Every structure is written in structure tokens, then in C-alpha cells.
Amino acid sequence: MMKYLALVIVFVINKKIDESKIKYNIKLK
């Protein structure tokens, strides 16, 4: 259960990082 929870947390963090990268790239263009 703890392993699954850790995977979900990592997935959510990565998703947020990707979204902020996309927003940053749009601002640069």
C-alpha cells in the first residue's frame, strides 16, 4: 500500500512539473 501511495505521489509531482514546463514554454514563445 505504501509503495502504491509513493508511486501516485511521484506521478502527481511529475505531472505538475510537466504542466509548469509547458506554461513556461508558452510564455517564452
PDB file of N, CA and C in Angstrom:
ATOM      1  N   MET A   1       0.825  -1.214   0.000  1.00  0.00           N
ATOM      2  CA  MET A   1       0.000   0.000   0.000  1.00  0.00           C
ATOM      3  C   MET A   1       0.858   1.264   0.000  1.00  0.00           C
ATOM      4  N   MET A   2       1.891   1.269   0.822  1.00  0.00           N
ATOM      5  CA  MET A   2       2.779   2.445   0.874  1.00  0.00           C
ATOM      6  C   MET A   2       3.516   2.652  -0.447  1.00  0.00           C
ATOM      7  N   LYS A   3       3.911   1.540  -1.076  1.00  0.00           N
ATOM      8  CA  LYS A   3       4.591   1.650  -2.391  1.00  0.00           C
ATOM      9  C   LYS A   3       3.670   2.288  -3.417  1.00  0.00           C
ATOM     10  N   TYR A   4       2.403   1.850  -3.409  1.00  0.00           N
ATOM     11  CA  TYR A   4       1.420   2.396  -4.354  1.00  0.00           C
ATOM     12  C   TYR A   4       1.219   3.885  -4.115  1.00  0.00           C
ATOM     13  N   LEU A   5       1.106   4.259  -2.831  1.00  0.00           N
ATOM     14  CA  LEU A   5       0.923   5.668  -2.470  1.00  0.00           C
ATOM     15  C   LEU A   5       2.118   6.502  -2.947  1.00  0.00           C
ATOM     16  N   ALA A   6       3.313   5.991  -2.757  1.00  0.00           N
ATOM     17  CA  ALA A   6       4.524   6.701  -3.200  1.00  0.00           C
ATOM     18  C   ALA A   6       4.517   6.886  -4.719  1.00  0.00           C
ATOM     19  N   LEU A   7       4.101   5.860  -5.450  1.00  0.00           N
ATOM     20  CA  LEU A   7       4.040   5.957  -6.911  1.00  0.00           C
ATOM     21  C   LEU A   7       3.048   7.025  -7.352  1.00  0.00           C
ATOM     22  N   VAL A   8       1.906   7.080  -6.683  1.00  0.00           N
ATOM     23  CA  VAL A   8       0.894   8.094  -7.017  1.00  0.00           C
ATOM     24  C   VAL A   8       1.439   9.499  -6.765  1.00  0.00           C
ATOM     25  N   ILE A   9       2.111   9.682  -5.626  1.00  0.00           N
ATOM     26  CA  ILE A   9       2.693  10.994  -5.297  1.00  0.00           C
ATOM     27  C   ILE A   9       3.721  11.410  -6.353  1.00  0.00           C
ATOM     28  N   VAL A  10       4.592  10.496  -6.714  1.00  0.00           N
ATOM     29  CA  VAL A  10       5.614  10.786  -7.748  1.00  0.00           C
ATOM     30  C   VAL A  10       4.950  11.148  -9.074  1.00  0.00           C
ATOM     31  N   PHE A  11       3.901  10.400  -9.434  1.00  0.00           N
ATOM     32  CA  PHE A  11       3.188  10.659 -10.687  1.00  0.00           C
ATOM     33  C   PHE A  11       2.578  12.058 -10.686  1.00  0.00           C
ATOM     34  N   VAL A  12       1.935  12.420  -9.571  1.00  0.00           N
ATOM     35  CA  VAL A  12       1.289  13.739  -9.471  1.00  0.00           C
ATOM     36  C   VAL A  12       2.334  14.858  -9.543  1.00  0.00           C
ATOM     37  N   ILE A  13       3.452  14.688  -8.845  1.00  0.00           N
ATOM     38  CA  ILE A  13       4.517  15.700  -8.872  1.00  0.00           C
ATOM     39  C   ILE A  13       5.061  15.862 -10.295  1.00  0.00           C
ATOM     40  N   ASN A  14       5.315  14.738 -10.967  1.00  0.00           N
ATOM     41  CA  ASN A  14       5.816  14.798 -12.346  1.00  0.00           C
ATOM     42  C   ASN A  14       4.820  15.494 -13.267  1.00  0.00           C
ATOM     43  N   LYS A  15       3.539  15.218 -13.069  1.00  0.00           N
ATOM     44  CA  LYS A  15       2.509  15.839 -13.890  1.00  0.00           C
ATOM     45  C   LYS A  15       2.509  17.355 -13.683  1.00  0.00           C
ATOM     46  N   LYS A  16       2.621  17.796 -12.432  1.00  0.00           N
ATOM     47  CA  LYS A  16       2.647  19.232 -12.134  1.00  0.00           C
ATOM     48  C   LYS A  16       3.881  19.896 -12.738  1.00  0.00           C
ATOM     49  N   ILE A  17       5.031  19.205 -12.669  1.00  0.00           N
ATOM     50  CA  ILE A  17       6.270  19.746 -13.247  1.00  0.00           C
ATOM     51  C   ILE A  17       6.109  19.890 -14.764  1.00  0.00           C
ATOM     52  N   ASP A  18       5.541  18.862 -15.403  1.00  0.00           N
ATOM     53  CA  ASP A  18       5.322  18.918 -16.852  1.00  0.00           C
ATOM     54  C   ASP A  18       4.401  20.074 -17.230  1.00  0.00           C
ATOM     55  N   GLU A  19       3.335  20.263 -16.459  1.00  0.00           N
ATOM     56  CA  GLU A  19       2.395  21.354 -16.749  1.00  0.00           C
ATOM     57  C   GLU A  19       3.065  22.719 -16.605  1.00  0.00           C
ATOM     58  N   SER A  20       3.884  22.885 -15.564  1.00  0.00           N
ATOM     59  CA  SER A  20       4.560  24.173 -15.383  1.00  0.00           C
ATOM     60  C   SER A  20       5.605  24.398 -16.474  1.00  0.00           C
ATOM     61  N   LYS A  21       6.243  23.319 -16.942  1.00  0.00           N
ATOM     62  CA  LYS A  21       7.194  23.434 -18.063  1.00  0.00           C
ATOM     63  C   LYS A  21       6.467  23.895 -19.317  1.00  0.00           C
ATOM     64  N   ILE A  22       5.294  23.333 -19.567  1.00  0.00           N
ATOM     65  CA  ILE A  22       4.508  23.697 -20.750  1.00  0.00           C
ATOM     66  C   ILE A  22       4.114  25.174 -20.674  1.00  0.00           C
ATOM     67  N   LYS A  23       3.636  25.611 -19.496  1.00  0.00           N
ATOM     68  CA  LYS A  23       3.256  27.017 -19.325  1.00  0.00           C
ATOM     69  C   LYS A  23       4.462  27.931 -19.529  1.00  0.00           C
ATOM     70  N   TYR A  24       5.622  27.506 -19.014  1.00  0.00           N
ATOM     71  CA  TYR A  24       6.851  28.284 -19.155  1.00  0.00           C
ATOM     72  C   TYR A  24       7.261  28.386 -20.622  1.00  0.00           C
ATOM     73  N   ASN A  25       7.147  27.271 -21.341  1.00  0.00           N
ATOM     74  CA  ASN A  25       7.498  27.264 -22.770  1.00  0.00           C
ATOM     75  C   ASN A  25       6.571  28.174 -23.574  1.00  0.00           C
ATOM     76  N   ILE A  26       5.294  28.195 -23.215  1.00  0.00           N
ATOM     77  CA  ILE A  26       4.339  29.062 -23.914  1.00  0.00           C
ATOM     78  C   ILE A  26       4.702  30.532 -23.679  1.00  0.00           C
ATOM     79  N   LYS A  27       5.101  30.865 -22.455  1.00  0.00           N
ATOM     80  CA  LYS A  27       5.489  32.245 -22.138  1.00  0.00           C
ATOM     81  C   LYS A  27       6.730  32.669 -22.928  1.00  0.00           C
ATOM     82  N   LEU A  28       7.642  31.727 -23.168  1.00  0.00           N
ATOM     83  CA  LEU A  28       8.878  32.052 -23.891  1.00  0.00           C
ATOM     84  C   LEU A  28       8.612  32.337 -25.371  1.00  0.00           C
ATOM     85  N   LYS A  29       7.600  31.691 -25.954  1.00  0.00           N
ATOM     86  CA  LYS A  29       7.339  31.867 -27.385  1.00  0.00           C
ATOM     87  C   LYS A  29       6.728  33.229 -27.703  1.00  0.00           C
TER      88      LYS A  29
END
